[in-house]
PDB file of N, CA and C in Angstrom:
ATOM      1  N   MET A   1      22.196   2.909  11.176  1.00  0.00           N
ATOM      2  CA  MET A   1      23.244   1.633  10.806  1.00  0.00           C
ATOM      3  C   MET A   1      23.861   1.215   9.626  1.00  0.00           C
ATOM      4  N   ASN A   2      24.891   0.913   9.029  1.00  0.00           N
ATOM      5  CA  ASN A   2      25.006   0.844   7.801  1.00  0.00           C
ATOM      6  C   ASN A   2      24.645  -0.423   7.634  1.00  0.00           C
ATOM      7  N   THR A   3      24.621  -0.652   6.096  1.00  0.00           N
ATOM      8  CA  THR A   3      23.941  -2.073   5.575  1.00  0.00           C
ATOM      9  C   THR A   3      24.798  -3.426   5.979  1.00  0.00           C
ATOM     10  N   ILE A   4      26.271  -3.182   5.824  1.00  0.00           N
ATOM     11  CA  ILE A   4      27.301  -4.386   6.053  1.00  0.00           C
ATOM     12  C   ILE A   4      26.912  -4.578   7.512  1.00  0.00           C
ATOM     13  N   LYS A   5      26.889  -3.511   8.611  1.00  0.00           N
ATOM     14  CA  LYS A   5      26.980  -4.178   9.777  1.00  0.00           C
ATOM     15  C   LYS A   5      25.027  -4.884   9.646  1.00  0.00           C
ATOM     16  N   ASN A   6      23.840  -4.049   9.154  1.00  0.00           N
ATOM     17  CA  ASN A   6      22.824  -4.782   9.604  1.00  0.00           C
ATOM     18  C   ASN A   6      22.887  -6.207   9.132  1.00  0.00           C
ATOM     19  N   GLU A   7      23.970  -6.473   7.751  1.00  0.00           N
ATOM     20  CA  GLU A   7      23.729  -7.745   7.537  1.00  0.00           C
ATOM     21  C   GLU A   7      24.643  -8.985   8.084  1.00  0.00           C
ATOM     22  N   ALA A   8      25.445  -8.165   8.846  1.00  0.00           N
ATOM     23  CA  ALA A   8      25.830  -9.038  10.015  1.00  0.00           C
ATOM     24  C   ALA A   8      25.110  -9.570  11.029  1.00  0.00           C
ATOM     25  N   PHE A   9      24.290  -8.442  11.524  1.00  0.00           N
ATOM     26  CA  PHE A   9      23.153  -8.811  12.517  1.00  0.00           C
ATOM     27  C   PHE A   9      22.121  -9.578  12.245  1.00  0.00           C
ATOM     28  N   TYR A  10      21.548  -9.350  10.771  1.00  0.00           N
ATOM     29  CA  TYR A  10      20.476 -10.323   9.943  1.00  0.00           C
ATOM     30  C   TYR A  10      21.079 -11.785  10.415  1.00  0.00           C
ATOM     31  N   ASN A  11      22.366 -12.140   9.817  1.00  0.00           N
ATOM     32  CA  ASN A  11      22.897 -13.152   9.822  1.00  0.00           C
ATOM     33  C   ASN A  11      22.850 -14.023  11.002  1.00  0.00           C
ATOM     34  N   LYS A  12      23.267 -13.172  11.958  1.00  0.00           N
ATOM     35  CA  LYS A  12      23.608 -13.602  13.354  1.00  0.00           C
ATOM     36  C   LYS A  12      22.183 -13.792  13.566  1.00  0.00           C
ATOM     37  N   LEU A  13      20.674 -12.904  13.764  1.00  0.00           N
ATOM     38  CA  LEU A  13      19.824 -13.814  14.106  1.00  0.00           C
ATOM     39  C   LEU A  13      19.334 -14.770  13.658  1.00  0.00           C
ATOM     40  N   LYS A  14      19.558 -14.983  12.164  1.00  0.00           N
ATOM     41  CA  LYS A  14      18.558 -15.568  11.499  1.00  0.00           C
ATOM     42  C   LYS A  14      19.774 -17.480  11.980  1.00  0.00           C
ATOM     43  N   THR A  15      20.430 -17.147  12.369  1.00  0.00           N
ATOM     44  CA  THR A  15      21.558 -18.526  12.489  1.00  0.00           C
ATOM     45  C   THR A  15      20.754 -18.992  14.012  1.00  0.00           C
ATOM     46  N   ARG A  16      20.705 -17.956  14.981  1.00  0.00           N
ATOM     47  CA  ARG A  16      20.341 -17.754  16.231  1.00  0.00           C
ATOM     48  C   ARG A  16      18.775 -18.456  16.329  1.00  0.00           C
ATOM     49  N   ARG A  17      17.862 -18.075  15.581  1.00  0.00           N
ATOM     50  CA  ARG A  17      16.629 -18.446  15.500  1.00  0.00           C
ATOM     51  C   ARG A  17      16.755 -19.837  14.967  1.00  0.00           C
ATOM     52  N   GLY A  18      17.611 -20.439  13.889  1.00  0.00           N
ATOM     53  CA  GLY A  18      17.388 -21.922  13.480  1.00  0.00           C
ATOM     54  C   GLY A  18      17.865 -22.773  14.679  1.00  0.00           C
ATOM     55  N   GLU A  19      18.663 -22.109  15.666  1.00  0.00           N
ATOM     56  CA  GLU A  19      19.022 -22.919  16.730  1.00  0.00           C
ATOM     57  C   GLU A  19      18.174 -23.206  17.726  1.00  0.00           C
ATOM     58  N   ILE A  20      17.354 -22.131  17.845  1.00  0.00           N
ATOM     59  CA  ILE A  20      16.105 -21.923  18.653  1.00  0.00           C
ATOM     60  C   ILE A  20      15.104 -23.170  18.718  1.00  0.00           C
ATOM     61  N   ILE A  21      15.090 -22.881  16.851  1.00  0.00           N
ATOM     62  CA  ILE A  21      13.719 -23.711  16.463  1.00  0.00           C
ATOM     63  C   ILE A  21      14.012 -25.296  16.788  1.00  0.00           C
ATOM     64  N   ARG A  22      15.732 -25.798  16.362  1.00  0.00           N
ATOM     65  CA  ARG A  22      15.707 -27.043  16.557  1.00  0.00           C
ATOM     66  C   ARG A  22      16.007 -27.169  18.299  1.00  0.00           C
ATOM     67  N   THR A  23      16.381 -26.532  18.963  1.00  0.00           N
ATOM     68  CA  THR A  23      15.736 -26.520  20.301  1.00  0.00           C
ATOM     69  C   THR A  23      14.341 -26.959  21.128  1.00  0.00           C
ATOM     70  N   LEU A  24      13.609 -26.192  20.450  1.00  0.00           N
ATOM     71  CA  LEU A  24      12.176 -26.085  20.618  1.00  0.00           C
ATOM     72  C   LEU A  24      11.471 -27.372  19.896  1.00  0.00           C
ATOM     73  N   GLU A  25      11.970 -27.433  19.050  1.00  0.00           N
ATOM     74  CA  GLU A  25      11.463 -29.104  18.856  1.00  0.00           C
ATOM     75  C   GLU A  25      11.944 -30.355  19.476  1.00  0.00           C
ATOM     76  N   HIS A  26      13.430 -30.152  19.893  1.00  0.00           N
ATOM     77  CA  HIS A  26      13.806 -31.191  20.843  1.00  0.00           C
ATOM     78  C   HIS A  26      13.140 -31.230  22.318  1.00  0.00           C
ATOM     79  N   VAL A  27      12.829 -29.713  22.804  1.00  0.00           N
ATOM     80  CA  VAL A  27      12.011 -29.849  23.981  1.00  0.00           C
ATOM     81  C   VAL A  27      10.704 -30.518  23.834  1.00  0.00           C
ATOM     82  N   GLN A  28      10.262 -29.886  22.523  1.00  0.00           N
ATOM     83  CA  GLN A  28       8.265 -30.267  22.300  1.00  0.00           C
ATOM     84  C   GLN A  28       8.283 -31.926  22.339  1.00  0.00           C
ATOM     85  N   LYS A  29       9.336 -32.378  21.637  1.00  0.00           N
ATOM     86  CA  LYS A  29       9.264 -33.778  21.531  1.00  0.00           C
ATOM     87  C   LYS A  29       9.435 -34.414  23.037  1.00  0.00           C
ATOM     88  N   GLU A  30      10.051 -34.075  24.162  1.00  0.00           N
ATOM     89  CA  GLU A  30      10.479 -34.555  25.234  1.00  0.00           C
ATOM     90  C   GLU A  30       8.878 -34.255  25.657  1.00  0.00           C
ATOM     91  N   GLN A  31       8.538 -32.863  25.890  1.00  0.00           N
ATOM     92  CA  GLN A  31       6.937 -33.125  26.145  1.00  0.00           C
ATOM     93  C   GLN A  31       6.484 -33.840  25.726  1.00  0.00           C
ATOM     94  N   ARG A  32       6.109 -34.665  24.474  1.00  0.00           N
ATOM     95  CA  ARG A  32       5.101 -35.512  23.940  1.00  0.00           C
ATOM     96  C   ARG A  32       5.671 -36.645  25.037  1.00  0.00           C
ATOM     97  N   THR A  33       7.179 -37.109  24.831  1.00  0.00           N
ATOM     98  CA  THR A  33       7.385 -37.857  25.420  1.00  0.00           C
ATOM     99  C   THR A  33       7.101 -38.295  27.179  1.00  0.00           C
ATOM    100  N   VAL A  34       7.125 -37.415  27.962  1.00  0.00           N
ATOM    101  CA  VAL A  34       6.884 -37.490  28.931  1.00  0.00           C
ATOM    102  C   VAL A  34       5.066 -37.568  29.046  1.00  0.00           C
ATOM    103  N   ALA A  35       4.253 -36.574  28.503  1.00  0.00           N
ATOM    104  CA  ALA A  35       3.186 -37.270  28.599  1.00  0.00           C
ATOM    105  C   ALA A  35       2.942 -38.346  28.225  1.00  0.00           C
ATOM    106  N   GLU A  36       3.304 -39.044  26.811  1.00  0.00           N
ATOM    107  CA  GLU A  36       2.962 -40.461  26.393  1.00  0.00           C
ATOM    108  C   GLU A  36       2.933 -41.365  27.948  1.00  0.00           C
ATOM    109  N   ASN A  37       4.384 -41.088  28.194  1.00  0.00           N
ATOM    110  CA  ASN A  37       4.730 -42.203  29.498  1.00  0.00           C
ATOM    111  C   ASN A  37       3.938 -41.946  30.603  1.00  0.00           C
ATOM    112  N   LYS A  38       2.965 -42.833  31.174  1.00  0.00           N
ATOM    113  CA  LYS A  38       2.280 -43.167  31.961  1.00  0.00           C
ATOM    114  C   LYS A  38       2.590 -43.779  33.302  1.00  0.00           C
ATOM    115  N   GLU A  39       3.599 -44.199  33.260  1.00  0.00           N
ATOM    116  CA  GLU A  39       4.020 -44.938  34.481  1.00  0.00           C
ATOM    117  C   GLU A  39       5.145 -44.174  35.252  1.00  0.00           C
ATOM    118  N   TRP A  40       4.818 -42.864  35.814  1.00  0.00           N
ATOM    119  CA  TRP A  40       5.836 -42.381  36.798  1.00  0.00           C
ATOM    120  C   TRP A  40       5.444 -42.879  38.143  1.00  0.00           C
ATOM    121  N   ILE A  41       6.650 -43.472  38.863  1.00  0.00           N
ATOM    122  CA  ILE A  41       6.480 -43.645  40.072  1.00  0.00           C
ATOM    123  C   ILE A  41       6.223 -42.364  40.963  1.00  0.00           C
ATOM    124  N   ASP A  42       6.997 -41.545  40.822  1.00  0.00           N
ATOM    125  CA  ASP A  42       7.059 -39.989  41.626  1.00  0.00           C
ATOM    126  C   ASP A  42       6.264 -39.029  41.199  1.00  0.00           C
ATOM    127  N   ARG A  43       4.917 -38.569  41.095  1.00  0.00           N
ATOM    128  CA  ARG A  43       3.862 -37.540  40.920  1.00  0.00           C
ATOM    129  C   ARG A  43       4.925 -36.140  40.499  1.00  0.00           C
ATOM    130  N   ALA A  44       5.178 -35.912  42.041  1.00  0.00           N
ATOM    131  CA  ALA A  44       6.140 -34.957  41.952  1.00  0.00           C
ATOM    132  C   ALA A  44       7.463 -34.779  41.232  1.00  0.00           C
ATOM    133  N   ALA A  45       7.947 -35.671  40.537  1.00  0.00           N
ATOM    134  CA  ALA A  45       8.974 -35.557  39.375  1.00  0.00           C
ATOM    135  C   ALA A  45       8.487 -35.335  38.266  1.00  0.00           C
ATOM    136  N   TYR A  46       7.312 -36.275  38.112  1.00  0.00           N
ATOM    137  CA  TYR A  46       6.393 -35.902  36.634  1.00  0.00           C
ATOM    138  C   TYR A  46       5.938 -34.357  36.512  1.00  0.00           C
ATOM    139  N   GLU A  47       5.635 -33.699  37.655  1.00  0.00           N
ATOM    140  CA  GLU A  47       4.766 -32.590  37.574  1.00  0.00           C
ATOM    141  C   GLU A  47       5.952 -31.386  37.330  1.00  0.00           C
ATOM    142  N   SER A  48       6.780 -31.919  38.098  1.00  0.00           N
ATOM    143  CA  SER A  48       8.355 -30.649  37.862  1.00  0.00           C
ATOM    144  C   SER A  48       8.820 -31.018  36.642  1.00  0.00           C
ATOM    145  N   ARG A  49       9.221 -32.069  36.101  1.00  0.00           N
ATOM    146  CA  ARG A  49       9.395 -32.012  34.491  1.00  0.00           C
ATOM    147  C   ARG A  49       8.755 -31.447  33.709  1.00  0.00           C
ATOM    148  N   CYS A  50       7.171 -31.610  33.864  1.00  0.00           N
ATOM    149  CA  CYS A  50       6.357 -31.107  33.071  1.00  0.00           C
ATOM    150  C   CYS A  50       6.505 -29.505  33.004  1.00  0.00           C
ATOM    151  N   GLN A  51       6.543 -28.973  34.000  1.00  0.00           N
ATOM    152  CA  GLN A  51       6.691 -27.424  34.570  1.00  0.00           C
ATOM    153  C   GLN A  51       8.069 -27.133  34.033  1.00  0.00           C
ATOM    154  N   LEU A  52       9.120 -27.910  34.149  1.00  0.00           N
ATOM    155  CA  LEU A  52      10.149 -27.579  33.376  1.00  0.00           C
ATOM    156  C   LEU A  52      10.136 -27.102  31.912  1.00  0.00           C
ATOM    157  N   LEU A  53       9.362 -28.218  31.454  1.00  0.00           N
ATOM    158  CA  LEU A  53       9.807 -28.600  29.827  1.00  0.00           C
ATOM    159  C   LEU A  53       8.446 -27.142  29.246  1.00  0.00           C
ATOM    160  N   ASP A  54       7.588 -26.987  29.803  1.00  0.00           N
ATOM    161  CA  ASP A  54       7.135 -25.941  29.989  1.00  0.00           C
ATOM    162  C   ASP A  54       7.451 -24.844  29.730  1.00  0.00           C
ATOM    163  N   SER A  55       8.328 -24.141  30.630  1.00  0.00           N
ATOM    164  CA  SER A  55       9.016 -23.030  30.739  1.00  0.00           C
ATOM    165  C   SER A  55       9.800 -23.070  29.961  1.00  0.00           C
ATOM    166  N   LEU A  56      10.843 -23.732  29.534  1.00  0.00           N
ATOM    167  CA  LEU A  56      11.741 -23.583  28.310  1.00  0.00           C
ATOM    168  C   LEU A  56      11.071 -23.393  27.227  1.00  0.00           C
ATOM    169  N   ALA A  57       9.785 -24.384  27.031  1.00  0.00           N
ATOM    170  CA  ALA A  57       9.203 -24.056  25.469  1.00  0.00           C
ATOM    171  C   ALA A  57       8.517 -22.658  25.455  1.00  0.00           C
ATOM    172  N   ASP A  58       8.326 -22.089  26.820  1.00  0.00           N
ATOM    173  CA  ASP A  58       7.495 -20.400  26.635  1.00  0.00           C
ATOM    174  C   ASP A  58       9.013 -20.342  26.389  1.00  0.00           C
ATOM    175  N   TRP A  59       9.960 -20.038  27.214  1.00  0.00           N
ATOM    176  CA  TRP A  59      11.095 -19.229  26.900  1.00  0.00           C
ATOM    177  C   TRP A  59      11.471 -19.248  25.665  1.00  0.00           C
ATOM    178  N   TYR A  60      11.761 -20.182  24.408  1.00  0.00           N
ATOM    179  CA  TYR A  60      12.289 -20.402  23.414  1.00  0.00           C
ATOM    180  C   TYR A  60      11.017 -19.672  22.390  1.00  0.00           C
ATOM    181  N   VAL A  61       9.620 -20.020  22.592  1.00  0.00           N
ATOM    182  CA  VAL A  61       8.857 -18.934  21.639  1.00  0.00           C
ATOM    183  C   VAL A  61       9.039 -17.554  21.827  1.00  0.00           C
ATOM    184  N   HIS A  62       8.946 -17.368  23.419  1.00  0.00           N
ATOM    185  CA  HIS A  62       9.329 -15.825  23.094  1.00  0.00           C
ATOM    186  C   HIS A  62      10.422 -15.270  22.699  1.00  0.00           C
ATOM    187  N   GLU A  63      12.262 -15.821  22.871  1.00  0.00           N
ATOM    188  CA  GLU A  63      13.195 -15.411  22.077  1.00  0.00           C
ATOM    189  C   GLU A  63      13.137 -15.641  20.605  1.00  0.00           C
ATOM    190  N   THR A  64      11.967 -16.226  20.002  1.00  0.00           N
ATOM    191  CA  THR A  64      11.828 -16.610  18.591  1.00  0.00           C
ATOM    192  C   THR A  64      11.425 -15.451  17.999  1.00  0.00           C
ATOM    193  N   THR A  65      10.548 -14.706  18.934  1.00  0.00           N
ATOM    194  CA  THR A  65       8.969 -13.651  18.588  1.00  0.00           C
ATOM    195  C   THR A  65      10.564 -12.442  18.801  1.00  0.00           C
ATOM    196  N   ARG A  66      11.137 -12.348  19.800  1.00  0.00           N
ATOM    197  CA  ARG A  66      12.045 -11.300  20.048  1.00  0.00           C
ATOM    198  C   ARG A  66      12.982 -11.178  18.754  1.00  0.00           C
ATOM    199  N   ILE A  67      13.595 -12.302  18.836  1.00  0.00           N
ATOM    200  CA  ILE A  67      14.269 -12.087  17.064  1.00  0.00           C
ATOM    201  C   ILE A  67      13.665 -11.825  15.904  1.00  0.00           C
ATOM    202  N   ASP A  68      12.464 -12.400  15.577  1.00  0.00           N
ATOM    203  CA  ASP A  68      11.559 -12.193  14.466  1.00  0.00           C
ATOM    204  C   ASP A  68      11.342 -10.618  14.315  1.00  0.00           C
ATOM    205  N   ASP A  69      10.870  -9.962  15.342  1.00  0.00           N
ATOM    206  CA  ASP A  69      10.859  -8.616  15.924  1.00  0.00           C
ATOM    207  C   ASP A  69      12.201  -7.944  15.093  1.00  0.00           C
ATOM    208  N   ALA A  70      13.565  -8.021  15.626  1.00  0.00           N
ATOM    209  CA  ALA A  70      14.636  -7.872  15.239  1.00  0.00           C
ATOM    210  C   ALA A  70      14.758  -7.593  13.631  1.00  0.00           C
ATOM    211  N   LEU A  71      14.481  -8.799  13.280  1.00  0.00           N
ATOM    212  CA  LEU A  71      14.433  -9.253  11.724  1.00  0.00           C
ATOM    213  C   LEU A  71      13.653  -8.284  10.784  1.00  0.00           C
ATOM    214  N   THR A  72      12.671  -8.061  11.689  1.00  0.00           N
ATOM    215  CA  THR A  72      11.711  -7.276  10.975  1.00  0.00           C
ATOM    216  C   THR A  72      12.250  -5.752  10.559  1.00  0.00           C
ATOM    217  N   ARG A  73      12.565  -5.118  11.910  1.00  0.00           N
ATOM    218  CA  ARG A  73      13.007  -4.106  12.057  1.00  0.00           C
ATOM    219  C   ARG A  73      14.465  -3.726  11.118  1.00  0.00           C
ATOM    220  N   ILE A  74      14.989  -4.859  10.812  1.00  0.00           N
ATOM    221  CA  ILE A  74      16.209  -4.874   9.931  1.00  0.00           C
ATOM    222  C   ILE A  74      15.770  -4.681   8.775  1.00  0.00           C
ATOM    223  N   THR A  75      14.848  -5.609   7.968  1.00  0.00           N
ATOM    224  CA  THR A  75      14.270  -5.135   7.017  1.00  0.00           C
ATOM    225  C   THR A  75      13.446  -3.857   6.509  1.00  0.00           C
ATOM    226  N   LYS A  76      12.624  -3.385   7.387  1.00  0.00           N
ATOM    227  CA  LYS A  76      12.032  -2.102   7.696  1.00  0.00           C
ATOM    228  C   LYS A  76      13.173  -0.881   7.810  1.00  0.00           C
ATOM    229  N   GLY A  77      14.540  -1.299   7.721  1.00  0.00           N
ATOM    230  CA  GLY A  77      15.037  -0.093   7.797  1.00  0.00           C
ATOM    231  C   GLY A  77      15.211   0.588   9.441  1.00  0.00           C
ATOM    232  N   ARG A  78      14.794   0.139  10.298  1.00  0.00           N
ATOM    233  CA  ARG A  78      14.377   0.676  11.774  1.00  0.00           C
ATOM    234  C   ARG A  78      15.222  -0.089  12.817  1.00  0.00           C
ATOM    235  N   TYR A  79      16.293  -0.805  12.468  1.00  0.00           N
ATOM    236  CA  TYR A  79      17.296  -1.600  13.530  1.00  0.00           C
ATOM    237  C   TYR A  79      18.319  -0.961  13.934  1.00  0.00           C
ATOM    238  N   GLY A  80      18.370  -0.931  15.471  1.00  0.00           N
ATOM    239  CA  GLY A  80      19.257  -0.475  15.515  1.00  0.00           C
ATOM    240  C   GLY A  80      18.872   0.988  16.212  1.00  0.00           C
ATOM    241  N   SER A  81      17.699   1.284  16.476  1.00  0.00           N
ATOM    242  CA  SER A  81      16.900   2.421  16.746  1.00  0.00           C
ATOM    243  C   SER A  81      15.935   2.027  17.778  1.00  0.00           C
ATOM    244  N   CYS A  82      16.090   2.921  19.401  1.00  0.00           N
ATOM    245  CA  CYS A  82      15.552   2.385  20.498  1.00  0.00           C
ATOM    246  C   CYS A  82      13.905   2.456  20.347  1.00  0.00           C
ATOM    247  N   LEU A  83      12.981   1.596  20.323  1.00  0.00           N
ATOM    248  CA  LEU A  83      11.609   1.733  20.325  1.00  0.00           C
ATOM    249  C   LEU A  83      10.925   2.696  21.263  1.00  0.00           C
ATOM    250  N   GLY A  84      11.756   3.106  22.140  1.00  0.00           N
ATOM    251  CA  GLY A  84      11.437   3.921  23.397  1.00  0.00           C
ATOM    252  C   GLY A  84      11.976   5.523  23.126  1.00  0.00           C
ATOM    253  N   CYS A  85      12.980   5.695  22.942  1.00  0.00           N
ATOM    254  CA  CYS A  85      13.423   7.003  23.066  1.00  0.00           C
ATOM    255  C   CYS A  85      13.954   7.186  21.308  1.00  0.00           C
ATOM    256  N   LEU A  86      13.911   6.260  20.622  1.00  0.00           N
ATOM    257  CA  LEU A  86      14.130   6.300  19.229  1.00  0.00           C
ATOM    258  C   LEU A  86      15.582   6.891  18.904  1.00  0.00           C
ATOM    259  N   GLU A  87      16.194   6.733  20.188  1.00  0.00           N
ATOM    260  CA  GLU A  87      17.844   7.156  19.813  1.00  0.00           C
ATOM    261  C   GLU A  87      18.588   6.230  19.481  1.00  0.00           C
ATOM    262  N   ALA A  88      19.773   5.657  19.012  1.00  0.00           N
ATOM    263  CA  ALA A  88      20.686   4.606  18.739  1.00  0.00           C
ATOM    264  C   ALA A  88      20.767   3.790  19.854  1.00  0.00           C
ATOM    265  N   ILE A  89      20.510   2.554  19.762  1.00  0.00           N
ATOM    266  CA  ILE A  89      20.984   1.396  20.782  1.00  0.00           C
ATOM    267  C   ILE A  89      22.572   1.384  20.970  1.00  0.00           C
ATOM    268  N   GLU A  90      23.079   1.524  21.756  1.00  0.00           N
ATOM    269  CA  GLU A  90      24.278   1.111  22.328  1.00  0.00           C
ATOM    270  C   GLU A  90      25.167   0.035  21.087  1.00  0.00           C
ATOM    271  N   PRO A  91      26.064   0.162  20.164  1.00  0.00           N
ATOM    272  CA  PRO A  91      26.325  -1.013  19.581  1.00  0.00           C
ATOM    273  C   PRO A  91      26.947  -2.056  20.464  1.00  0.00           C
ATOM    274  N   HIS A  92      27.607  -2.191  21.429  1.00  0.00           N
ATOM    275  CA  HIS A  92      28.362  -3.098  22.107  1.00  0.00           C
ATOM    276  C   HIS A  92      26.816  -3.642  22.738  1.00  0.00           C
ATOM    277  N   ARG A  93      25.564  -3.287  22.947  1.00  0.00           N
ATOM    278  CA  ARG A  93      24.435  -3.941  23.550  1.00  0.00           C
ATOM    279  C   ARG A  93      23.787  -4.665  22.216  1.00  0.00           C
ATOM    280  N   LEU A  94      24.081  -4.351  20.789  1.00  0.00           N
ATOM    281  CA  LEU A  94      23.645  -4.989  19.623  1.00  0.00           C
ATOM    282  C   LEU A  94      24.312  -5.953  19.730  1.00  0.00           C
ATOM    283  N   GLU A  95      25.675  -5.742  20.172  1.00  0.00           N
ATOM    284  CA  GLU A  95      26.591  -7.021  20.109  1.00  0.00           C
ATOM    285  C   GLU A  95      26.269  -8.204  20.819  1.00  0.00           C
ATOM    286  N   ILE A  96      26.163  -7.668  21.881  1.00  0.00           N
ATOM    287  CA  ILE A  96      25.698  -9.254  23.161  1.00  0.00           C
ATOM    288  C   ILE A  96      24.590  -9.133  22.893  1.00  0.00           C
ATOM    289  N   ALA A  97      23.813  -8.595  22.808  1.00  0.00           N
ATOM    290  CA  ALA A  97      21.773  -9.284  22.415  1.00  0.00           C
ATOM    291  C   ALA A  97      21.279  -8.311  20.993  1.00  0.00           C
ATOM    292  N   PRO A  98      21.689  -8.985  20.178  1.00  0.00           N
ATOM    293  CA  PRO A  98      21.152  -8.641  18.622  1.00  0.00           C
ATOM    294  C   PRO A  98      19.800  -8.607  18.416  1.00  0.00           C
ATOM    295  N   ASP A  99      18.947  -8.777  19.274  1.00  0.00           N
ATOM    296  CA  ASP A  99      17.339  -8.483  19.285  1.00  0.00           C
ATOM    297  C   ASP A  99      16.966  -7.440  20.142  1.00  0.00           C
ATOM    298  N   ALA A 100      17.949  -6.493  20.685  1.00  0.00           N
ATOM    299  CA  ALA A 100      17.532  -5.571  21.725  1.00  0.00           C
ATOM    300  C   ALA A 100      16.791  -4.592  20.877  1.00  0.00           C
ATOM    301  N   ALA A 101      15.396  -4.219  21.481  1.00  0.00           N
ATOM    302  CA  ALA A 101      14.680  -3.228  20.986  1.00  0.00           C
ATOM    303  C   ALA A 101      15.190  -1.775  21.471  1.00  0.00           C
ATOM    304  N   PHE A 102      15.748  -1.932  22.662  1.00  0.00           N
ATOM    305  CA  PHE A 102      15.890  -0.827  23.532  1.00  0.00           C
ATOM    306  C   PHE A 102      16.970  -0.277  23.892  1.00  0.00           C
ATOM    307  N   CYS A 103      17.651   0.979  23.990  1.00  0.00           N
ATOM    308  CA  CYS A 103      18.553   1.434  24.453  1.00  0.00           C
ATOM    309  C   CYS A 103      18.473   0.742  26.082  1.00  0.00           C
ATOM    310  N   ALA A 104      19.890   1.105  26.827  1.00  0.00           N
ATOM    311  CA  ALA A 104      20.019   0.516  27.964  1.00  0.00           C
ATOM    312  C   ALA A 104      19.350   1.140  28.657  1.00  0.00           C
ATOM    313  N   GLU A 105      19.449   2.934  28.766  1.00  0.00           N
ATOM    314  CA  GLU A 105      18.271   3.213  29.755  1.00  0.00           C
ATOM    315  C   GLU A 105      17.015   3.331  29.656  1.00  0.00           C
ATOM    316  N   CYS A 106      16.283   3.059  28.066  1.00  0.00           N
ATOM    317  CA  CYS A 106      14.881   2.694  28.337  1.00  0.00           C
ATOM    318  C   CYS A 106      14.776   1.305  28.708  1.00  0.00           C
ATOM    319  N   GLN A 107      15.457   0.628  28.718  1.00  0.00           N
ATOM    320  CA  GLN A 107      15.398  -0.736  28.989  1.00  0.00           C
ATOM    321  C   GLN A 107      15.359  -1.093  30.712  1.00  0.00           C
ATOM    322  N   LYS A 108      16.439  -0.108  31.308  1.00  0.00           N
ATOM    323  CA  LYS A 108      16.325  -0.201  32.683  1.00  0.00           C
ATOM    324  C   LYS A 108      14.931   0.450  33.159  1.00  0.00           C
ATOM    325  N   ILE A 109      14.589   1.609  32.657  1.00  0.00           N
ATOM    326  CA  ILE A 109      13.301   1.911  32.967  1.00  0.00           C
ATOM    327  C   ILE A 109      12.253   0.997  32.396  1.00  0.00           C
ATOM    328  N   ARG A 110      11.931   0.230  31.679  1.00  0.00           N
ATOM    329  CA  ARG A 110      11.004  -0.691  31.691  1.00  0.00           C
ATOM    330  C   ARG A 110      10.891  -1.711  32.681  1.00  0.00           C
ATOM    331  N   GLU A 111      12.476  -2.136  32.935  1.00  0.00           N
ATOM    332  CA  GLU A 111      12.325  -3.283  34.179  1.00  0.00           C
ATOM    333  C   GLU A 111      12.032  -2.612  35.616  1.00  0.00           C
ATOM    334  N   GLU A 112      12.425  -1.480  35.709  1.00  0.00           N
ATOM    335  CA  GLU A 112      11.701  -1.178  37.043  1.00  0.00           C
ATOM    336  C   GLU A 112      10.363  -0.723  37.160  1.00  0.00           C
ATOM    337  N   LEU A 113       9.695  -0.491  35.678  1.00  0.00           N
ATOM    338  CA  LEU A 113       8.228  -0.379  36.077  1.00  0.00           C
ATOM    339  C   LEU A 113       7.414  -1.739  35.841  1.00  0.00           C
ATOM    340  N   THR A 114       8.183  -2.673  35.784  1.00  0.00           N
ATOM    341  CA  THR A 114       7.322  -3.741  35.603  1.00  0.00           C
ATOM    342  C   THR A 114       8.228  -4.393  37.046  1.00  0.00           C
ATOM    343  N   ASP A 115       8.877  -3.956  37.648  1.00  0.00           N
ATOM    344  CA  ASP A 115       9.280  -4.859  39.061  1.00  0.00           C
ATOM    345  C   ASP A 115       8.847  -4.101  40.275  1.00  0.00           C
ATOM    346  N   SER A 116       7.826  -2.957  39.666  1.00  0.00           N
ATOM    347  CA  SER A 116       7.428  -2.262  40.809  1.00  0.00           C
ATOM    348  C   SER A 116       5.601  -2.529  41.036  1.00  0.00           C
TER     349      SER A 116
END
């Protein structure tokens, strides 16, 4: 993958990472607010809210990790190569998901293995 294209993906990933960090900070603030509020009338609503916020926080942490991994691949010159088969990841796939580490075929195989 050429340097100009990598720079565009790098910038896109860094921008997304910044958005995620800001959102994660908001979610964590909301988690603290919910935890500090001891006057919930409906215990089920409290537990549901905690579960939702925990799930969101986990999702954003996981996405940040994927982005950090992609940024590392860019800096090491391995961006755009599938970690499974070492072939090039489809350009349209990287446009949609710049943090993609696997080509479509290898990703499909990985998902099938985790589903079974």
